[in-house]
Structure formats: C-alpha cells, structure tokens
N, C-alpha and C. Protein backbone atom coordinates (compact mmCIF):
# COMPACT_ATOMS: atom_id res chain seq x y z
N MET A 1 -68.61 50.71 -15.08
CA MET A 1 -67.50 51.24 -14.31
C MET A 1 -67.26 50.31 -13.12
N SER A 2 -66.02 49.96 -12.86
CA SER A 2 -65.74 49.06 -11.75
C SER A 2 -65.76 49.82 -10.44
N GLU A 3 -65.79 49.06 -9.34
CA GLU A 3 -65.79 49.70 -8.02
C GLU A 3 -64.51 50.48 -7.79
N TYR A 4 -63.41 50.10 -8.43
CA TYR A 4 -62.14 50.78 -8.23
C TYR A 4 -62.08 52.12 -8.96
N GLN A 5 -62.79 52.21 -10.05
CA GLN A 5 -62.80 53.47 -10.79
C GLN A 5 -63.56 54.55 -10.04
N ASP A 6 -64.45 54.13 -9.16
CA ASP A 6 -65.20 55.10 -8.38
C ASP A 6 -64.39 55.65 -7.21
N ARG A 7 -63.32 54.98 -6.86
CA ARG A 7 -62.52 55.40 -5.72
C ARG A 7 -61.74 56.66 -6.06
N SER A 8 -61.58 57.45 -5.06
CA SER A 8 -60.81 58.68 -5.23
C SER A 8 -59.37 58.41 -4.85
N VAL A 9 -58.51 58.32 -5.83
CA VAL A 9 -57.09 58.10 -5.59
C VAL A 9 -56.39 59.41 -5.87
N PRO A 10 -55.62 59.92 -4.91
CA PRO A 10 -54.96 61.20 -5.14
C PRO A 10 -53.94 61.11 -6.27
N LEU A 11 -54.03 62.03 -7.17
CA LEU A 11 -53.07 62.09 -8.26
C LEU A 11 -51.98 63.09 -7.91
N PRO A 12 -50.73 62.73 -8.16
CA PRO A 12 -49.66 63.66 -7.83
C PRO A 12 -49.67 64.85 -8.76
N GLY A 13 -49.35 65.98 -8.21
CA GLY A 13 -49.23 67.18 -9.02
C GLY A 13 -47.81 67.68 -8.93
N ASN A 14 -47.50 68.63 -9.73
CA ASN A 14 -46.19 69.24 -9.62
C ASN A 14 -46.12 70.05 -8.35
N LEU A 15 -45.00 69.98 -7.69
CA LEU A 15 -44.84 70.78 -6.50
C LEU A 15 -44.69 72.23 -6.90
N PRO A 16 -45.32 73.14 -6.18
CA PRO A 16 -45.15 74.56 -6.48
C PRO A 16 -43.68 74.96 -6.36
N ALA A 17 -43.30 75.97 -7.12
CA ALA A 17 -41.91 76.42 -7.14
C ALA A 17 -41.42 76.79 -5.75
N ASP A 18 -42.29 77.41 -4.93
CA ASP A 18 -41.84 77.81 -3.60
C ASP A 18 -41.56 76.60 -2.71
N VAL A 19 -42.26 75.48 -2.94
CA VAL A 19 -41.99 74.26 -2.18
C VAL A 19 -40.70 73.63 -2.67
N GLN A 20 -40.49 73.62 -3.98
CA GLN A 20 -39.28 73.02 -4.54
C GLN A 20 -38.04 73.79 -4.11
N ALA A 21 -38.15 75.09 -3.98
CA ALA A 21 -36.99 75.92 -3.71
C ALA A 21 -36.58 75.93 -2.25
N GLN A 22 -37.51 75.66 -1.34
CA GLN A 22 -37.15 75.75 0.06
C GLN A 22 -36.40 74.51 0.53
N GLU A 23 -35.56 74.74 1.52
CA GLU A 23 -34.80 73.63 2.08
C GLU A 23 -35.71 72.80 2.96
N VAL A 24 -35.56 71.50 2.86
CA VAL A 24 -36.31 70.58 3.70
C VAL A 24 -35.51 70.39 4.98
N PRO A 25 -36.17 70.51 6.15
CA PRO A 25 -35.45 70.30 7.40
C PRO A 25 -34.76 68.94 7.41
N ALA A 26 -33.57 68.88 8.00
CA ALA A 26 -32.75 67.67 7.97
C ALA A 26 -33.50 66.44 8.47
N PHE A 27 -34.34 66.60 9.49
CA PHE A 27 -35.05 65.45 10.03
C PHE A 27 -36.11 64.91 9.09
N GLU A 28 -36.49 65.67 8.06
CA GLU A 28 -37.51 65.24 7.10
C GLU A 28 -36.92 64.72 5.79
N ILE A 29 -35.60 64.80 5.65
CA ILE A 29 -34.98 64.38 4.40
C ILE A 29 -34.98 62.85 4.33
N PRO A 30 -35.57 62.30 3.30
CA PRO A 30 -35.53 60.85 3.14
C PRO A 30 -34.08 60.38 3.00
N SER A 31 -33.84 59.14 3.33
CA SER A 31 -32.47 58.64 3.25
C SER A 31 -32.29 57.72 2.05
N LEU A 32 -31.08 57.72 1.57
CA LEU A 32 -30.65 56.81 0.52
C LEU A 32 -29.51 55.99 1.09
N GLU A 33 -29.40 54.76 0.65
CA GLU A 33 -28.28 53.93 1.09
C GLU A 33 -27.03 54.34 0.33
N ASP A 34 -26.10 54.93 1.06
CA ASP A 34 -24.86 55.39 0.44
C ASP A 34 -24.11 54.26 -0.26
N ARG A 35 -24.10 53.09 0.35
CA ARG A 35 -23.32 51.99 -0.21
C ARG A 35 -23.83 51.56 -1.58
N THR A 36 -25.14 51.74 -1.82
CA THR A 36 -25.70 51.39 -3.14
C THR A 36 -25.13 52.32 -4.20
N LEU A 37 -25.14 53.62 -3.90
CA LEU A 37 -24.58 54.59 -4.85
C LEU A 37 -23.08 54.39 -5.02
N GLN A 38 -22.38 54.10 -3.93
CA GLN A 38 -20.94 53.87 -3.99
C GLN A 38 -20.61 52.65 -4.84
N ALA A 39 -21.37 51.58 -4.65
CA ALA A 39 -21.13 50.36 -5.43
C ALA A 39 -21.34 50.62 -6.92
N LEU A 40 -22.36 51.38 -7.25
CA LEU A 40 -22.62 51.69 -8.65
C LEU A 40 -21.51 52.56 -9.22
N ALA A 41 -21.05 53.54 -8.45
CA ALA A 41 -19.94 54.40 -8.90
C ALA A 41 -18.68 53.57 -9.09
N ASN A 42 -18.43 52.64 -8.20
CA ASN A 42 -17.25 51.76 -8.34
C ASN A 42 -17.35 50.92 -9.60
N GLU A 43 -18.53 50.39 -9.84
CA GLU A 43 -18.73 49.55 -11.02
C GLU A 43 -18.53 50.34 -12.31
N LEU A 44 -19.01 51.59 -12.31
CA LEU A 44 -18.89 52.43 -13.50
C LEU A 44 -17.54 53.13 -13.59
N GLY A 45 -16.86 53.21 -12.46
CA GLY A 45 -15.57 53.90 -12.43
C GLY A 45 -15.69 55.41 -12.45
N ASP A 46 -16.90 55.93 -12.18
CA ASP A 46 -17.12 57.37 -12.24
C ASP A 46 -18.41 57.70 -11.47
N ALA A 47 -18.37 58.78 -10.71
CA ALA A 47 -19.54 59.18 -9.93
C ALA A 47 -20.54 59.98 -10.75
N LYS A 48 -20.09 60.62 -11.82
CA LYS A 48 -21.00 61.49 -12.58
C LYS A 48 -22.24 60.78 -13.11
N PRO A 49 -22.11 59.60 -13.72
CA PRO A 49 -23.33 58.93 -14.19
C PRO A 49 -24.27 58.54 -13.04
N VAL A 50 -23.71 58.26 -11.89
CA VAL A 50 -24.52 57.90 -10.73
C VAL A 50 -25.33 59.11 -10.27
N LEU A 51 -24.70 60.26 -10.24
CA LEU A 51 -25.41 61.48 -9.86
C LEU A 51 -26.48 61.84 -10.89
N ARG A 52 -26.20 61.62 -12.16
CA ARG A 52 -27.21 61.85 -13.21
C ARG A 52 -28.39 60.89 -13.04
N LEU A 53 -28.08 59.63 -12.74
CA LEU A 53 -29.14 58.64 -12.52
C LEU A 53 -30.02 59.06 -11.34
N LEU A 54 -29.40 59.48 -10.25
CA LEU A 54 -30.16 59.91 -9.07
C LEU A 54 -31.01 61.14 -9.40
N SER A 55 -30.43 62.08 -10.12
CA SER A 55 -31.16 63.29 -10.50
C SER A 55 -32.37 62.93 -11.37
N THR A 56 -32.16 62.07 -12.33
CA THR A 56 -33.25 61.64 -13.21
C THR A 56 -34.31 60.88 -12.42
N TYR A 57 -33.88 60.02 -11.53
CA TYR A 57 -34.81 59.27 -10.68
C TYR A 57 -35.72 60.23 -9.91
N LEU A 58 -35.12 61.23 -9.28
CA LEU A 58 -35.91 62.18 -8.49
C LEU A 58 -36.84 63.01 -9.37
N THR A 59 -36.37 63.38 -10.53
CA THR A 59 -37.19 64.16 -11.47
C THR A 59 -38.40 63.36 -11.95
N MET A 60 -38.21 62.06 -12.14
CA MET A 60 -39.27 61.21 -12.69
C MET A 60 -40.25 60.67 -11.65
N LEU A 61 -39.98 60.88 -10.36
CA LEU A 61 -40.87 60.33 -9.33
C LEU A 61 -42.33 60.73 -9.52
N PRO A 62 -42.64 62.01 -9.73
CA PRO A 62 -44.07 62.35 -9.89
C PRO A 62 -44.75 61.61 -11.04
N SER A 63 -44.07 61.48 -12.17
CA SER A 63 -44.70 60.78 -13.30
C SER A 63 -44.83 59.29 -13.03
N ARG A 64 -43.89 58.72 -12.28
CA ARG A 64 -44.00 57.30 -11.93
C ARG A 64 -45.18 57.05 -11.00
N ILE A 65 -45.37 57.96 -10.03
CA ILE A 65 -46.51 57.83 -9.13
C ILE A 65 -47.82 58.00 -9.91
N LEU A 66 -47.83 58.91 -10.85
CA LEU A 66 -49.01 59.11 -11.69
C LEU A 66 -49.35 57.83 -12.47
N ARG A 67 -48.34 57.15 -13.00
CA ARG A 67 -48.57 55.90 -13.72
C ARG A 67 -49.20 54.84 -12.81
N ILE A 68 -48.68 54.75 -11.58
CA ILE A 68 -49.25 53.79 -10.62
C ILE A 68 -50.69 54.17 -10.33
N SER A 69 -50.93 55.44 -10.06
CA SER A 69 -52.26 55.91 -9.73
C SER A 69 -53.25 55.64 -10.86
N ARG A 70 -52.84 55.93 -12.07
CA ARG A 70 -53.74 55.69 -13.22
C ARG A 70 -54.07 54.22 -13.36
N GLY A 71 -53.05 53.38 -13.23
CA GLY A 71 -53.29 51.94 -13.33
C GLY A 71 -54.28 51.46 -12.28
N LEU A 72 -54.10 51.94 -11.05
CA LEU A 72 -55.01 51.54 -9.98
C LEU A 72 -56.41 52.09 -10.19
N CYS A 73 -56.50 53.35 -10.60
CA CYS A 73 -57.83 53.97 -10.84
C CYS A 73 -58.59 53.24 -11.94
N GLU A 74 -57.87 52.77 -12.93
CA GLU A 74 -58.50 52.08 -14.06
C GLU A 74 -58.65 50.58 -13.80
N ASN A 75 -58.25 50.16 -12.60
CA ASN A 75 -58.31 48.74 -12.25
C ASN A 75 -57.54 47.89 -13.26
N ASP A 76 -56.45 48.43 -13.75
CA ASP A 76 -55.62 47.76 -14.75
C ASP A 76 -54.45 47.11 -14.03
N VAL A 77 -54.60 45.82 -13.78
CA VAL A 77 -53.59 45.08 -13.02
C VAL A 77 -52.23 45.12 -13.71
N ASP A 78 -52.22 44.91 -15.03
CA ASP A 78 -50.95 44.89 -15.75
C ASP A 78 -50.24 46.24 -15.71
N ALA A 79 -50.98 47.31 -15.95
CA ALA A 79 -50.37 48.64 -15.92
C ALA A 79 -49.91 49.00 -14.51
N SER A 80 -50.71 48.66 -13.52
CA SER A 80 -50.34 48.93 -12.13
C SER A 80 -49.07 48.18 -11.76
N MET A 81 -49.03 46.89 -12.12
CA MET A 81 -47.87 46.07 -11.78
C MET A 81 -46.62 46.58 -12.49
N GLU A 82 -46.75 46.91 -13.77
CA GLU A 82 -45.60 47.41 -14.52
C GLU A 82 -45.06 48.70 -13.89
N ALA A 83 -45.95 49.60 -13.52
CA ALA A 83 -45.53 50.87 -12.93
C ALA A 83 -44.90 50.68 -11.55
N VAL A 84 -45.47 49.80 -10.74
CA VAL A 84 -44.92 49.53 -9.40
C VAL A 84 -43.55 48.87 -9.53
N LEU A 85 -43.42 47.89 -10.43
CA LEU A 85 -42.13 47.22 -10.61
C LEU A 85 -41.07 48.18 -11.12
N SER A 86 -41.45 49.05 -12.03
CA SER A 86 -40.51 50.03 -12.56
C SER A 86 -39.98 50.94 -11.45
N LEU A 87 -40.88 51.42 -10.61
CA LEU A 87 -40.44 52.28 -9.51
C LEU A 87 -39.63 51.49 -8.48
N LYS A 88 -40.03 50.27 -8.22
CA LYS A 88 -39.30 49.44 -7.26
C LYS A 88 -37.86 49.21 -7.72
N ILE A 89 -37.69 48.87 -8.96
CA ILE A 89 -36.35 48.57 -9.49
C ILE A 89 -35.49 49.83 -9.54
N SER A 90 -36.04 50.93 -10.01
CA SER A 90 -35.24 52.16 -10.07
C SER A 90 -34.91 52.65 -8.66
N SER A 91 -35.81 52.44 -7.71
CA SER A 91 -35.53 52.83 -6.32
C SER A 91 -34.40 51.99 -5.75
N ALA A 92 -34.39 50.71 -6.06
CA ALA A 92 -33.31 49.84 -5.60
C ALA A 92 -31.96 50.29 -6.17
N MET A 93 -31.97 50.73 -7.43
CA MET A 93 -30.72 51.15 -8.08
C MET A 93 -30.08 52.36 -7.42
N VAL A 94 -30.91 53.25 -6.84
CA VAL A 94 -30.35 54.46 -6.22
C VAL A 94 -30.33 54.36 -4.70
N GLY A 95 -30.70 53.21 -4.15
CA GLY A 95 -30.65 53.04 -2.71
C GLY A 95 -31.81 53.67 -1.96
N ALA A 96 -32.93 53.88 -2.64
CA ALA A 96 -34.12 54.45 -2.00
C ALA A 96 -34.93 53.30 -1.41
N ARG A 97 -34.46 52.77 -0.30
CA ARG A 97 -35.03 51.55 0.28
C ARG A 97 -36.47 51.72 0.74
N GLU A 98 -36.82 52.86 1.32
CA GLU A 98 -38.20 53.05 1.78
C GLU A 98 -39.18 52.96 0.60
N THR A 99 -38.86 53.64 -0.48
CA THR A 99 -39.71 53.59 -1.67
C THR A 99 -39.73 52.18 -2.24
N GLU A 100 -38.58 51.55 -2.30
CA GLU A 100 -38.50 50.17 -2.79
C GLU A 100 -39.39 49.25 -1.95
N ASN A 101 -39.32 49.39 -0.63
CA ASN A 101 -40.12 48.52 0.25
C ASN A 101 -41.61 48.79 0.10
N GLN A 102 -42.00 50.05 -0.05
CA GLN A 102 -43.41 50.36 -0.26
C GLN A 102 -43.90 49.75 -1.57
N CYS A 103 -43.07 49.82 -2.60
CA CYS A 103 -43.43 49.23 -3.89
C CYS A 103 -43.51 47.70 -3.79
N LEU A 104 -42.60 47.11 -3.03
CA LEU A 104 -42.63 45.66 -2.83
C LEU A 104 -43.95 45.24 -2.18
N ALA A 105 -44.38 45.99 -1.19
CA ALA A 105 -45.67 45.70 -0.53
C ALA A 105 -46.83 45.84 -1.51
N MET A 106 -46.80 46.91 -2.32
CA MET A 106 -47.87 47.12 -3.30
C MET A 106 -47.85 46.03 -4.37
N GLU A 107 -46.66 45.61 -4.77
CA GLU A 107 -46.52 44.52 -5.73
C GLU A 107 -47.22 43.27 -5.20
N TYR A 108 -46.97 42.95 -3.94
CA TYR A 108 -47.60 41.79 -3.32
C TYR A 108 -49.12 41.94 -3.31
N MET A 109 -49.60 43.12 -2.96
CA MET A 109 -51.05 43.36 -2.92
C MET A 109 -51.67 43.13 -4.30
N ILE A 110 -51.02 43.64 -5.33
CA ILE A 110 -51.54 43.50 -6.69
C ILE A 110 -51.49 42.04 -7.12
N ARG A 111 -50.37 41.36 -6.84
CA ARG A 111 -50.24 39.93 -7.20
C ARG A 111 -51.32 39.08 -6.53
N GLU A 112 -51.67 39.45 -5.30
CA GLU A 112 -52.67 38.70 -4.55
C GLU A 112 -54.10 39.17 -4.85
N ASP A 113 -54.23 40.00 -5.89
CA ASP A 113 -55.53 40.49 -6.34
C ASP A 113 -56.23 41.35 -5.28
N HIS A 114 -55.42 42.15 -4.58
CA HIS A 114 -55.95 43.09 -3.58
C HIS A 114 -55.67 44.51 -4.04
N ILE A 115 -56.21 44.85 -5.19
CA ILE A 115 -56.00 46.20 -5.72
C ILE A 115 -56.52 47.23 -4.74
N ASP A 116 -57.60 46.90 -4.04
CA ASP A 116 -58.16 47.84 -3.07
C ASP A 116 -57.14 48.18 -1.98
N PHE A 117 -56.33 47.21 -1.57
CA PHE A 117 -55.28 47.49 -0.58
C PHE A 117 -54.21 48.38 -1.19
N ALA A 118 -53.86 48.10 -2.45
CA ALA A 118 -52.85 48.92 -3.13
C ALA A 118 -53.33 50.36 -3.27
N VAL A 119 -54.63 50.52 -3.55
CA VAL A 119 -55.20 51.87 -3.66
C VAL A 119 -55.03 52.60 -2.33
N ARG A 120 -55.27 51.88 -1.22
CA ARG A 120 -55.14 52.50 0.10
C ARG A 120 -53.68 52.74 0.48
N ALA A 121 -52.76 51.99 -0.09
CA ALA A 121 -51.33 52.17 0.20
C ALA A 121 -50.71 53.31 -0.61
N LEU A 122 -51.35 53.67 -1.71
CA LEU A 122 -50.79 54.68 -2.60
C LEU A 122 -50.53 56.03 -1.92
N PRO A 123 -51.42 56.57 -1.12
CA PRO A 123 -51.14 57.89 -0.52
C PRO A 123 -49.85 57.95 0.29
N ALA A 124 -49.53 56.88 1.00
CA ALA A 124 -48.27 56.87 1.77
C ALA A 124 -47.07 56.89 0.83
N LEU A 125 -47.14 56.13 -0.24
CA LEU A 125 -46.05 56.13 -1.23
C LEU A 125 -45.94 57.51 -1.87
N GLN A 126 -47.08 58.09 -2.21
CA GLN A 126 -47.08 59.42 -2.83
C GLN A 126 -46.48 60.45 -1.88
N GLN A 127 -46.88 60.40 -0.63
CA GLN A 127 -46.37 61.37 0.35
C GLN A 127 -44.85 61.24 0.51
N TYR A 128 -44.37 60.01 0.58
CA TYR A 128 -42.94 59.81 0.75
C TYR A 128 -42.16 60.28 -0.48
N THR A 129 -42.66 59.96 -1.66
CA THR A 129 -41.94 60.38 -2.87
C THR A 129 -41.98 61.89 -3.05
N GLU A 130 -43.07 62.53 -2.60
CA GLU A 130 -43.11 64.00 -2.66
C GLU A 130 -42.03 64.59 -1.74
N ARG A 131 -41.80 63.96 -0.60
CA ARG A 131 -40.72 64.42 0.28
C ARG A 131 -39.36 64.25 -0.41
N CYS A 132 -39.20 63.17 -1.16
CA CYS A 132 -37.95 62.95 -1.90
C CYS A 132 -37.75 64.05 -2.94
N VAL A 133 -38.80 64.36 -3.67
CA VAL A 133 -38.71 65.41 -4.70
C VAL A 133 -38.39 66.75 -4.05
N ALA A 134 -39.05 67.05 -2.95
CA ALA A 134 -38.81 68.32 -2.26
C ALA A 134 -37.39 68.40 -1.71
N ALA A 135 -36.82 67.25 -1.35
CA ALA A 135 -35.47 67.21 -0.78
C ALA A 135 -34.41 66.95 -1.85
N ARG A 136 -34.78 67.08 -3.11
CA ARG A 136 -33.85 66.79 -4.22
C ARG A 136 -32.49 67.47 -4.06
N PRO A 137 -32.43 68.79 -3.79
CA PRO A 137 -31.10 69.41 -3.66
C PRO A 137 -30.26 68.80 -2.54
N GLN A 138 -30.90 68.50 -1.41
CA GLN A 138 -30.17 67.92 -0.30
C GLN A 138 -29.74 66.48 -0.61
N LEU A 139 -30.61 65.71 -1.24
CA LEU A 139 -30.26 64.33 -1.57
C LEU A 139 -29.11 64.28 -2.57
N LEU A 140 -29.16 65.14 -3.57
CA LEU A 140 -28.07 65.19 -4.54
C LEU A 140 -26.78 65.68 -3.89
N GLY A 141 -26.88 66.67 -3.00
CA GLY A 141 -25.70 67.18 -2.31
C GLY A 141 -25.06 66.12 -1.43
N ARG A 142 -25.89 65.39 -0.70
CA ARG A 142 -25.37 64.31 0.15
C ARG A 142 -24.70 63.23 -0.70
N ALA A 143 -25.35 62.85 -1.78
CA ALA A 143 -24.78 61.82 -2.65
C ALA A 143 -23.46 62.30 -3.25
N ARG A 144 -23.41 63.54 -3.69
CA ARG A 144 -22.19 64.10 -4.26
C ARG A 144 -21.05 64.05 -3.23
N GLU A 145 -21.36 64.47 -2.01
CA GLU A 145 -20.36 64.48 -0.94
C GLU A 145 -19.91 63.06 -0.59
N THR A 146 -20.84 62.14 -0.49
CA THR A 146 -20.50 60.75 -0.19
C THR A 146 -19.60 60.16 -1.25
N LEU A 147 -19.94 60.38 -2.50
CA LEU A 147 -19.15 59.83 -3.60
C LEU A 147 -17.79 60.52 -3.69
N ARG A 148 -17.74 61.80 -3.37
CA ARG A 148 -16.46 62.52 -3.37
C ARG A 148 -15.55 61.97 -2.27
N ARG A 149 -16.11 61.77 -1.09
CA ARG A 149 -15.32 61.21 0.03
C ARG A 149 -14.80 59.82 -0.31
N GLN A 150 -15.64 59.03 -0.95
CA GLN A 150 -15.24 57.69 -1.33
C GLN A 150 -14.09 57.74 -2.33
N ALA A 151 -14.19 58.65 -3.29
CA ALA A 151 -13.12 58.79 -4.28
C ALA A 151 -11.83 59.21 -3.61
N LEU A 152 -11.91 60.11 -2.64
CA LEU A 152 -10.71 60.53 -1.90
C LEU A 152 -10.12 59.37 -1.12
N ASP A 153 -10.97 58.58 -0.49
CA ASP A 153 -10.50 57.43 0.29
C ASP A 153 -9.82 56.40 -0.61
N CYS A 154 -10.36 56.20 -1.79
CA CYS A 154 -9.79 55.24 -2.73
C CYS A 154 -8.44 55.70 -3.28
N ASN A 155 -8.28 57.01 -3.40
CA ASN A 155 -7.04 57.56 -3.95
C ASN A 155 -5.96 57.73 -2.89
N SER A 156 -6.31 57.53 -1.62
CA SER A 156 -5.33 57.71 -0.54
C SER A 156 -4.47 56.50 -0.36
C-alpha cells in the first residue's frame, strides 16, 4: 500500500434533502461568469441548452469530486489528472471560474508529481463544489434571468 492510500481523503456524499431544499444565503452563493453563459447561448442561438448544461454540470459535481478523490486515494496519477481536467474544462464551459482555478492548481500539483499537495487541496475544492450544489436553484435562477435579459436586450 502506498503512503497516499493511507491518507484520509474526504469522499463527497450526497447532500441531505433538507440541505438541498433550503435556500443558500446570497453571500454564500458561488458566482458564475455571466458572459461565459451568454457567449455560449449566443453561439447556440438558444438559452435552453445552456441552462441544461449548467443543470447537468451542477448535478454531476459530486460524482466528479468522487472521481478525483478516488484517483488521489489510489495514487493513480492518470485517473486523478483525467478527473481534474474533466472538471476544469466543464467548469470553464459554465463560467465556474473558482472551481476551474482550483482544478488548474491541482492539475499543476499532479503534473509536478506532488500528489500529496493535491490531496491536501481536495477538501477546499470539495467544500466549494458542495456550496455550488446546495445553491443549484439560485445559480440556475440567476443564469435563467441573465440569459432572459440578454435575449430581451438583443431583441430591442
């Protein structure tokens, strides 16, 4: 067993229904870059697929964090890198810059053969993504409103 397998890395769990259902205070809601979602909606010519993409992204966050955690726990550089890159790219697509930046840092740690640093960085990424999942209704509502306003501005 490697030294990394002995480390205790928190594994994400499903948020309890009462946590998912409650509103997250506005000051705790993670931010998304509106312009990223707007640019994607412009490119597609429709906001609906963008909202579906964001919804799917938020739904998949726990499983993506689990993939990263498993890769790190197993000291599997390839699996860890693949999972971090996957989350980094999908985060960039929806304008989740904080998550993207955390993944970028972890990517660098893994590339530089500092899996132990990546293991220590994982809890912060997990905590932030859990806030995103908990704020899912607010994030989707904000995105819907932003894209609606943009559509109105374009039609004016």
